[in-house]
Amino acid sequence: MSIQLGDKVRDRVTGFTGITTARTVWISGCVRFEVQPVMDKFGKIPDSRGYDENQLELVKAAHPAKQEKKTGGPMPSPSQHAVARR
């Protein structure tokens, strides 16, 4: 799955929607995301909730997929001239 931090997601079971703010990987291989909902109409920020990755669906990606730019890579090591001998 391609859920990233900062993405807007929805829980498939409860419909809970919010932004992913944390990602944890458990020793068992389980990947969970902490989902923070938006502020309510009274200005209160509700508590975040944790969900398994496969239980979430992507609503909106935080950032469009970036295309890698080829920068030419590292510079080659400069060759040294032979030491002048007298």
PDB file of N, CA and C in Angstrom:
ATOM      1  N   MET A   1       0.854  -1.178   0.000  1.00  0.00           N
ATOM      2  CA  MET A   1       0.000   0.000   0.000  1.00  0.00           C
ATOM      3  C   MET A   1       0.895   1.235   0.000  1.00  0.00           C
ATOM      4  N   SER A   2       0.391   2.327  -0.482  1.00  0.00           N
ATOM      5  CA  SER A   2       1.235   3.506  -0.631  1.00  0.00           C
ATOM      6  C   SER A   2       0.801   4.672   0.255  1.00  0.00           C
ATOM      7  N   ILE A   3       0.361   4.397   1.455  1.00  0.00           N
ATOM      8  CA  ILE A   3      -0.010   5.473   2.376  1.00  0.00           C
ATOM      9  C   ILE A   3       1.264   6.046   2.976  1.00  0.00           C
ATOM     10  N   GLN A   4       1.355   7.364   2.960  1.00  0.00           N
ATOM     11  CA  GLN A   4       2.520   8.065   3.490  1.00  0.00           C
ATOM     12  C   GLN A   4       2.081   9.001   4.612  1.00  0.00           C
ATOM     13  N   LEU A   5       3.041   9.481   5.383  1.00  0.00           N
ATOM     14  CA  LEU A   5       2.730  10.456   6.424  1.00  0.00           C
ATOM     15  C   LEU A   5       2.238  11.739   5.768  1.00  0.00           C
ATOM     16  N   GLY A   6       1.201  12.321   6.328  1.00  0.00           N
ATOM     17  CA  GLY A   6       0.625  13.551   5.800  1.00  0.00           C
ATOM     18  C   GLY A   6      -0.539  13.324   4.851  1.00  0.00           C
ATOM     19  N   ASP A   7      -0.786  12.065   4.469  1.00  0.00           N
ATOM     20  CA  ASP A   7      -1.897  11.753   3.575  1.00  0.00           C
ATOM     21  C   ASP A   7      -3.226  11.830   4.332  1.00  0.00           C
ATOM     22  N   LYS A   8      -4.279  12.194   3.603  1.00  0.00           N
ATOM     23  CA  LYS A   8      -5.622  12.148   4.176  1.00  0.00           C
ATOM     24  C   LYS A   8      -6.167  10.759   3.905  1.00  0.00           C
ATOM     25  N   VAL A   9      -6.629  10.076   4.962  1.00  0.00           N
ATOM     26  CA  VAL A   9      -7.096   8.693   4.848  1.00  0.00           C
ATOM     27  C   VAL A   9      -8.453   8.531   5.521  1.00  0.00           C
ATOM     28  N   ARG A  10      -9.105   7.398   5.200  1.00  0.00           N
ATOM     29  CA  ARG A  10     -10.395   7.064   5.823  1.00  0.00           C
ATOM     30  C   ARG A  10     -10.344   5.604   6.258  1.00  0.00           C
ATOM     31  N   ASP A  11     -10.856   5.338   7.449  1.00  0.00           N
ATOM     32  CA  ASP A  11     -10.976   3.971   7.937  1.00  0.00           C
ATOM     33  C   ASP A  11     -12.145   3.318   7.225  1.00  0.00           C
ATOM     34  N   ARG A  12     -11.916   2.161   6.633  1.00  0.00           N
ATOM     35  CA  ARG A  12     -12.953   1.477   5.853  1.00  0.00           C
ATOM     36  C   ARG A  12     -14.111   0.979   6.715  1.00  0.00           C
ATOM     37  N   VAL A  13     -13.854   0.727   7.988  1.00  0.00           N
ATOM     38  CA  VAL A  13     -14.888   0.171   8.864  1.00  0.00           C
ATOM     39  C   VAL A  13     -15.758   1.266   9.478  1.00  0.00           C
ATOM     40  N   THR A  14     -15.129   2.262  10.104  1.00  0.00           N
ATOM     41  CA  THR A  14     -15.880   3.282  10.838  1.00  0.00           C
ATOM     42  C   THR A  14     -16.125   4.565  10.059  1.00  0.00           C
ATOM     43  N   GLY A  15     -15.354   4.796   8.994  1.00  0.00           N
ATOM     44  CA  GLY A  15     -15.483   6.034   8.237  1.00  0.00           C
ATOM     45  C   GLY A  15     -14.695   7.186   8.827  1.00  0.00           C
ATOM     46  N   PHE A  16     -13.943   6.928   9.898  1.00  0.00           N
ATOM     47  CA  PHE A  16     -13.122   7.945  10.550  1.00  0.00           C
ATOM     48  C   PHE A  16     -12.118   8.485   9.532  1.00  0.00           C
ATOM     49  N   THR A  17     -12.051   9.813   9.386  1.00  0.00           N
ATOM     50  CA  THR A  17     -11.181  10.447   8.402  1.00  0.00           C
ATOM     51  C   THR A  17     -10.224  11.401   9.096  1.00  0.00           C
ATOM     52  N   GLY A  18      -8.991  11.458   8.587  1.00  0.00           N
ATOM     53  CA  GLY A  18      -8.015  12.381   9.137  1.00  0.00           C
ATOM     54  C   GLY A  18      -6.696  12.283   8.393  1.00  0.00           C
ATOM     55  N   ILE A  19      -5.690  12.921   8.971  1.00  0.00           N
ATOM     56  CA  ILE A  19      -4.353  12.989   8.384  1.00  0.00           C
ATOM     57  C   ILE A  19      -3.429  12.037   9.143  1.00  0.00           C
ATOM     58  N   THR A  20      -2.613  11.274   8.405  1.00  0.00           N
ATOM     59  CA  THR A  20      -1.667  10.368   9.062  1.00  0.00           C
ATOM     60  C   THR A  20      -0.522  11.180   9.658  1.00  0.00           C
ATOM     61  N   THR A  21      -0.281  10.980  10.957  1.00  0.00           N
ATOM     62  CA  THR A  21       0.745  11.758  11.654  1.00  0.00           C
ATOM     63  C   THR A  21       1.880  10.901  12.185  1.00  0.00           C
ATOM     64  N   ALA A  22       1.690   9.590  12.257  1.00  0.00           N
ATOM     65  CA  ALA A  22       2.747   8.700  12.756  1.00  0.00           C
ATOM     66  C   ALA A  22       2.579   7.326  12.124  1.00  0.00           C
ATOM     67  N   ARG A  23       3.711   6.640  11.952  1.00  0.00           N
ATOM     68  CA  ARG A  23       3.712   5.281  11.389  1.00  0.00           C
ATOM     69  C   ARG A  23       4.566   4.408  12.296  1.00  0.00           C
ATOM     70  N   THR A  24       4.011   3.284  12.712  1.00  0.00           N
ATOM     71  CA  THR A  24       4.771   2.356  13.551  1.00  0.00           C
ATOM     72  C   THR A  24       4.800   0.985  12.888  1.00  0.00           C
ATOM     73  N   VAL A  25       5.943   0.325  13.004  1.00  0.00           N
ATOM     74  CA  VAL A  25       6.102  -1.035  12.490  1.00  0.00           C
ATOM     75  C   VAL A  25       6.401  -1.916  13.696  1.00  0.00           C
ATOM     76  N   TRP A  26       5.552  -2.881  13.937  1.00  0.00           N
ATOM     77  CA  TRP A  26       5.687  -3.767  15.083  1.00  0.00           C
ATOM     78  C   TRP A  26       6.575  -4.952  14.719  1.00  0.00           C
ATOM     79  N   ILE A  27       7.146  -5.595  15.707  1.00  0.00           N
ATOM     80  CA  ILE A  27       8.036  -6.729  15.493  1.00  0.00           C
ATOM     81  C   ILE A  27       7.322  -7.873  14.768  1.00  0.00           C
ATOM     82  N   SER A  28       6.016  -7.916  14.892  1.00  0.00           N
ATOM     83  CA  SER A  28       5.226  -8.950  14.217  1.00  0.00           C
ATOM     84  C   SER A  28       5.023  -8.645  12.736  1.00  0.00           C
ATOM     85  N   GLY A  29       5.423  -7.430  12.308  1.00  0.00           N
ATOM     86  CA  GLY A  29       5.263  -7.037  10.920  1.00  0.00           C
ATOM     87  C   GLY A  29       4.046  -6.164  10.682  1.00  0.00           C
ATOM     88  N   CYS A  30       3.251  -5.943  11.713  1.00  0.00           N
ATOM     89  CA  CYS A  30       2.061  -5.105  11.598  1.00  0.00           C
ATOM     90  C   CYS A  30       2.481  -3.634  11.434  1.00  0.00           C
ATOM     91  N   VAL A  31       1.893  -2.960  10.450  1.00  0.00           N
ATOM     92  CA  VAL A  31       2.160  -1.537  10.228  1.00  0.00           C
ATOM     93  C   VAL A  31       0.896  -0.770  10.602  1.00  0.00           C
ATOM     94  N   ARG A  32       1.056   0.197  11.512  1.00  0.00           N
ATOM     95  CA  ARG A  32      -0.092   0.985  11.970  1.00  0.00           C
ATOM     96  C   ARG A  32       0.181   2.463  11.755  1.00  0.00           C
ATOM     97  N   PHE A  33      -0.898   3.205  11.484  1.00  0.00           N
ATOM     98  CA  PHE A  33      -0.818   4.648  11.325  1.00  0.00           C
ATOM     99  C   PHE A  33      -1.665   5.323  12.375  1.00  0.00           C
ATOM    100  N   GLU A  34      -1.175   6.428  12.904  1.00  0.00           N
ATOM    101  CA  GLU A  34      -1.944   7.294  13.798  1.00  0.00           C
ATOM    102  C   GLU A  34      -2.648   8.305  12.902  1.00  0.00           C
ATOM    103  N   VAL A  35      -3.973   8.439  13.063  1.00  0.00           N
ATOM    104  CA  VAL A  35      -4.769   9.314  12.210  1.00  0.00           C
ATOM    105  C   VAL A  35      -5.353  10.428  13.072  1.00  0.00           C
ATOM    106  N   GLN A  36      -5.033  11.680  12.706  1.00  0.00           N
ATOM    107  CA  GLN A  36      -5.493  12.855  13.442  1.00  0.00           C
ATOM    108  C   GLN A  36      -6.615  13.538  12.663  1.00  0.00           C
ATOM    109  N   PRO A  37      -7.837  13.606  13.237  1.00  0.00           N
ATOM    110  CA  PRO A  37      -8.931  14.281  12.535  1.00  0.00           C
ATOM    111  C   PRO A  37      -8.751  15.803  12.580  1.00  0.00           C
ATOM    112  N   VAL A  38      -9.518  16.501  11.755  1.00  0.00           N
ATOM    113  CA  VAL A  38      -9.454  17.960  11.739  1.00  0.00           C
ATOM    114  C   VAL A  38     -10.190  18.537  12.939  1.00  0.00           C
ATOM    115  N   MET A  39      -9.978  19.822  13.166  1.00  0.00           N
ATOM    116  CA  MET A  39     -10.603  20.521  14.281  1.00  0.00           C
ATOM    117  C   MET A  39     -12.126  20.535  14.103  1.00  0.00           C
ATOM    118  N   ASP A  40     -12.863  20.362  15.205  1.00  0.00           N
ATOM    119  CA  ASP A  40     -14.326  20.398  15.111  1.00  0.00           C
ATOM    120  C   ASP A  40     -14.824  21.846  15.058  1.00  0.00           C
ATOM    121  N   LYS A  41     -16.136  22.003  14.935  1.00  0.00           N
ATOM    122  CA  LYS A  41     -16.704  23.347  14.763  1.00  0.00           C
ATOM    123  C   LYS A  41     -16.561  24.235  16.000  1.00  0.00           C
ATOM    124  N   PHE A  42     -16.201  23.638  17.151  1.00  0.00           N
ATOM    125  CA  PHE A  42     -16.019  24.404  18.382  1.00  0.00           C
ATOM    126  C   PHE A  42     -14.554  24.757  18.623  1.00  0.00           C
ATOM    127  N   GLY A  43     -13.669  24.390  17.675  1.00  0.00           N
ATOM    128  CA  GLY A  43     -12.250  24.714  17.806  1.00  0.00           C
ATOM    129  C   GLY A  43     -11.459  23.695  18.613  1.00  0.00           C
ATOM    130  N   LYS A  44     -12.077  22.570  18.948  1.00  0.00           N
ATOM    131  CA  LYS A  44     -11.396  21.529  19.709  1.00  0.00           C
ATOM    132  C   LYS A  44     -10.785  20.505  18.753  1.00  0.00           C
ATOM    133  N   ILE A  45      -9.575  20.077  19.063  1.00  0.00           N
ATOM    134  CA  ILE A  45      -8.920  19.061  18.250  1.00  0.00           C
ATOM    135  C   ILE A  45      -9.204  17.699  18.873  1.00  0.00           C
ATOM    136  N   PRO A  46      -9.943  16.843  18.169  1.00  0.00           N
ATOM    137  CA  PRO A  46     -10.260  15.510  18.704  1.00  0.00           C
ATOM    138  C   PRO A  46      -9.009  14.651  18.853  1.00  0.00           C
ATOM    139  N   ASP A  47      -9.098  13.623  19.682  1.00  0.00           N
ATOM    140  CA  ASP A  47      -7.984  12.700  19.863  1.00  0.00           C
ATOM    141  C   ASP A  47      -7.735  11.914  18.585  1.00  0.00           C
ATOM    142  N   SER A  48      -6.462  11.587  18.366  1.00  0.00           N
ATOM    143  CA  SER A  48      -6.123  10.765  17.204  1.00  0.00           C
ATOM    144  C   SER A  48      -6.393   9.299  17.531  1.00  0.00           C
ATOM    145  N   ARG A  49      -6.446   8.484  16.481  1.00  0.00           N
ATOM    146  CA  ARG A  49      -6.691   7.051  16.648  1.00  0.00           C
ATOM    147  C   ARG A  49      -5.706   6.275  15.798  1.00  0.00           C
ATOM    148  N   GLY A  50      -5.395   5.063  16.230  1.00  0.00           N
ATOM    149  CA  GLY A  50      -4.474   4.214  15.489  1.00  0.00           C
ATOM    150  C   GLY A  50      -5.208   3.153  14.689  1.00  0.00           C
ATOM    151  N   TYR A  51      -4.741   2.914  13.453  1.00  0.00           N
ATOM    152  CA  TYR A  51      -5.363   1.923  12.569  1.00  0.00           C
ATOM    153  C   TYR A  51      -4.299   1.112  11.844  1.00  0.00           C
ATOM    154  N   ASP A  52      -4.623  -0.150  11.566  1.00  0.00           N
ATOM    155  CA  ASP A  52      -3.761  -0.974  10.729  1.00  0.00           C
ATOM    156  C   ASP A  52      -3.746  -0.399   9.321  1.00  0.00           C
ATOM    157  N   GLU A  53      -2.597  -0.513   8.666  1.00  0.00           N
ATOM    158  CA  GLU A  53      -2.438   0.047   7.325  1.00  0.00           C
ATOM    159  C   GLU A  53      -3.464  -0.506   6.336  1.00  0.00           C
ATOM    160  N   ASN A  54      -3.718  -1.811   6.392  1.00  0.00           N
ATOM    161  CA  ASN A  54      -4.637  -2.408   5.411  1.00  0.00           C
ATOM    162  C   ASN A  54      -6.105  -2.064   5.680  1.00  0.00           C
ATOM    163  N   GLN A  55      -6.389  -1.398   6.774  1.00  0.00           N
ATOM    164  CA  GLN A  55      -7.752  -0.985   7.100  1.00  0.00           C
ATOM    165  C   GLN A  55      -8.052   0.418   6.569  1.00  0.00           C
ATOM    166  N   LEU A  56      -7.004   1.124   6.116  1.00  0.00           N
ATOM    167  CA  LEU A  56      -7.160   2.499   5.659  1.00  0.00           C
ATOM    168  C   LEU A  56      -7.214   2.588   4.145  1.00  0.00           C
ATOM    169  N   GLU A  57      -7.969   3.575   3.660  1.00  0.00           N
ATOM    170  CA  GLU A  57      -7.981   3.866   2.231  1.00  0.00           C
ATOM    171  C   GLU A  57      -7.527   5.308   2.038  1.00  0.00           C
ATOM    172  N   LEU A  58      -6.765   5.531   0.995  1.00  0.00           N
ATOM    173  CA  LEU A  58      -6.224   6.847   0.694  1.00  0.00           C
ATOM    174  C   LEU A  58      -7.327   7.736   0.136  1.00  0.00           C
ATOM    175  N   VAL A  59      -7.512   8.914   0.749  1.00  0.00           N
ATOM    176  CA  VAL A  59      -8.488   9.882   0.267  1.00  0.00           C
ATOM    177  C   VAL A  59      -7.778  10.907  -0.616  1.00  0.00           C
ATOM    178  N   LYS A  60      -6.664  11.442  -0.108  1.00  0.00           N
ATOM    179  CA  LYS A  60      -5.893  12.433  -0.856  1.00  0.00           C
ATOM    180  C   LYS A  60      -4.435  12.344  -0.434  1.00  0.00           C
ATOM    181  N   ALA A  61      -3.554  12.242  -1.401  1.00  0.00           N
ATOM    182  CA  ALA A  61      -2.123  12.190  -1.114  1.00  0.00           C
ATOM    183  C   ALA A  61      -1.648  13.566  -0.649  1.00  0.00           C
ATOM    184  N   ALA A  62      -0.702  13.577   0.284  1.00  0.00           N
ATOM    185  CA  ALA A  62      -0.174  14.828   0.815  1.00  0.00           C
ATOM    186  C   ALA A  62       0.599  15.591  -0.253  1.00  0.00           C
ATOM    187  N   HIS A  63       1.404  14.877  -0.992  1.00  0.00           N
ATOM    188  CA  HIS A  63       2.233  15.482  -2.028  1.00  0.00           C
ATOM    189  C   HIS A  63       2.157  14.603  -3.265  1.00  0.00           C
ATOM    190  N   PRO A  64       2.074  15.201  -4.425  1.00  0.00           N
ATOM    191  CA  PRO A  64       2.093  14.368  -5.629  1.00  0.00           C
ATOM    192  C   PRO A  64       3.417  13.631  -5.715  1.00  0.00           C
ATOM    193  N   ALA A  65       3.393  12.491  -6.369  1.00  0.00           N
ATOM    194  CA  ALA A  65       4.615  11.700  -6.500  1.00  0.00           C
ATOM    195  C   ALA A  65       5.703  12.538  -7.142  1.00  0.00           C
ATOM    196  N   LYS A  66       6.849  12.555  -6.498  1.00  0.00           N
ATOM    197  CA  LYS A  66       7.970  13.334  -7.016  1.00  0.00           C
ATOM    198  C   LYS A  66       8.719  12.522  -8.060  1.00  0.00           C
ATOM    199  N   GLN A  67       9.113  13.200  -9.120  1.00  0.00           N
ATOM    200  CA  GLN A  67       9.938  12.546 -10.114  1.00  0.00           C
ATOM    201  C   GLN A  67      11.387  12.835  -9.759  1.00  0.00           C
ATOM    202  N   GLU A  68      12.184  11.780  -9.764  1.00  0.00           N
ATOM    203  CA  GLU A  68      13.585  11.967  -9.418  1.00  0.00           C
ATOM    204  C   GLU A  68      14.311  12.694 -10.525  1.00  0.00           C
ATOM    205  N   LYS A  69      15.142  13.637 -10.128  1.00  0.00           N
ATOM    206  CA  LYS A  69      15.977  14.345 -11.088  1.00  0.00           C
ATOM    207  C   LYS A  69      17.339  13.673 -11.104  1.00  0.00           C
ATOM    208  N   LYS A  70      17.851  13.499 -12.283  1.00  0.00           N
ATOM    209  CA  LYS A  70      19.201  12.957 -12.383  1.00  0.00           C
ATOM    210  C   LYS A  70      20.169  14.116 -12.237  1.00  0.00           C
ATOM    211  N   THR A  71      20.971  14.028 -11.208  1.00  0.00           N
ATOM    212  CA  THR A  71      21.910  15.113 -10.933  1.00  0.00           C
ATOM    213  C   THR A  71      23.306  14.813 -11.469  1.00  0.00           C
ATOM    214  N   GLY A  72      23.456  13.659 -12.053  1.00  0.00           N
ATOM    215  CA  GLY A  72      24.774  13.325 -12.571  1.00  0.00           C
ATOM    216  C   GLY A  72      25.571  12.475 -11.603  1.00  0.00           C
ATOM    217  N   GLY A  73      25.062  12.316 -10.409  1.00  0.00           N
ATOM    218  CA  GLY A  73      25.749  11.463  -9.440  1.00  0.00           C
ATOM    219  C   GLY A  73      26.983  12.112  -8.858  1.00  0.00           C
ATOM    220  N   PRO A  74      27.730  11.349  -8.082  1.00  0.00           N
ATOM    221  CA  PRO A  74      28.930  11.905  -7.454  1.00  0.00           C
ATOM    222  C   PRO A  74      30.014  12.146  -8.501  1.00  0.00           C
ATOM    223  N   MET A  75      30.820  13.122  -8.209  1.00  0.00           N
ATOM    224  CA  MET A  75      31.937  13.440  -9.107  1.00  0.00           C
ATOM    225  C   MET A  75      32.974  12.315  -9.023  1.00  0.00           C
ATOM    226  N   PRO A  76      33.588  11.961 -10.152  1.00  0.00           N
ATOM    227  CA  PRO A  76      34.635  10.956 -10.090  1.00  0.00           C
ATOM    228  C   PRO A  76      35.845  11.508  -9.349  1.00  0.00           C
ATOM    229  N   SER A  77      36.581  10.639  -8.728  1.00  0.00           N
ATOM    230  CA  SER A  77      37.789  11.069  -8.020  1.00  0.00           C
ATOM    231  C   SER A  77      38.765  11.664  -9.018  1.00  0.00           C
ATOM    232  N   PRO A  78      39.340  12.809  -8.697  1.00  0.00           N
ATOM    233  CA  PRO A  78      40.290  13.411  -9.626  1.00  0.00           C
ATOM    234  C   PRO A  78      41.559  12.567  -9.704  1.00  0.00           C
ATOM    235  N   SER A  79      42.091  12.480 -10.892  1.00  0.00           N
ATOM    236  CA  SER A  79      43.339  11.721 -11.028  1.00  0.00           C
ATOM    237  C   SER A  79      44.494  12.632 -10.651  1.00  0.00           C
ATOM    238  N   GLN A  80      45.516  12.041 -10.075  1.00  0.00           N
ATOM    239  CA  GLN A  80      46.670  12.820  -9.678  1.00  0.00           C
ATOM    240  C   GLN A  80      47.760  12.664 -10.731  1.00  0.00           C
ATOM    241  N   HIS A  81      48.439  13.755 -10.939  1.00  0.00           N
ATOM    242  CA  HIS A  81      49.579  13.711 -11.868  1.00  0.00           C
ATOM    243  C   HIS A  81      50.740  12.979 -11.207  1.00  0.00           C
ATOM    244  N   ALA A  82      51.545  12.385 -12.028  1.00  0.00           N
ATOM    245  CA  ALA A  82      52.734  11.701 -11.480  1.00  0.00           C
ATOM    246  C   ALA A  82      53.609  12.712 -10.767  1.00  0.00           C
ATOM    247  N   VAL A  83      54.236  12.298  -9.696  1.00  0.00           N
ATOM    248  CA  VAL A  83      55.113  13.166  -8.921  1.00  0.00           C
ATOM    249  C   VAL A  83      56.339  13.494  -9.756  1.00  0.00           C
ATOM    250  N   ALA A  84      56.688  14.775  -9.810  1.00  0.00           N
ATOM    251  CA  ALA A  84      57.861  15.184 -10.578  1.00  0.00           C
ATOM    252  C   ALA A  84      59.118  14.651  -9.902  1.00  0.00           C
ATOM    253  N   ARG A  85      60.012  14.113 -10.672  1.00  0.00           N
ATOM    254  CA  ARG A  85      61.272  13.587 -10.113  1.00  0.00           C
ATOM    255  C   ARG A  85      62.412  14.442 -10.621  1.00  0.00           C
ATOM    256  N   ARG A  86      63.426  14.614  -9.816  1.00  0.00           N
ATOM    257  CA  ARG A  86      64.601  15.402 -10.214  1.00  0.00           C
ATOM    258  C   ARG A  86      65.784  14.555 -10.402  1.00  0.00           C
TER     259      ARG A  86
END
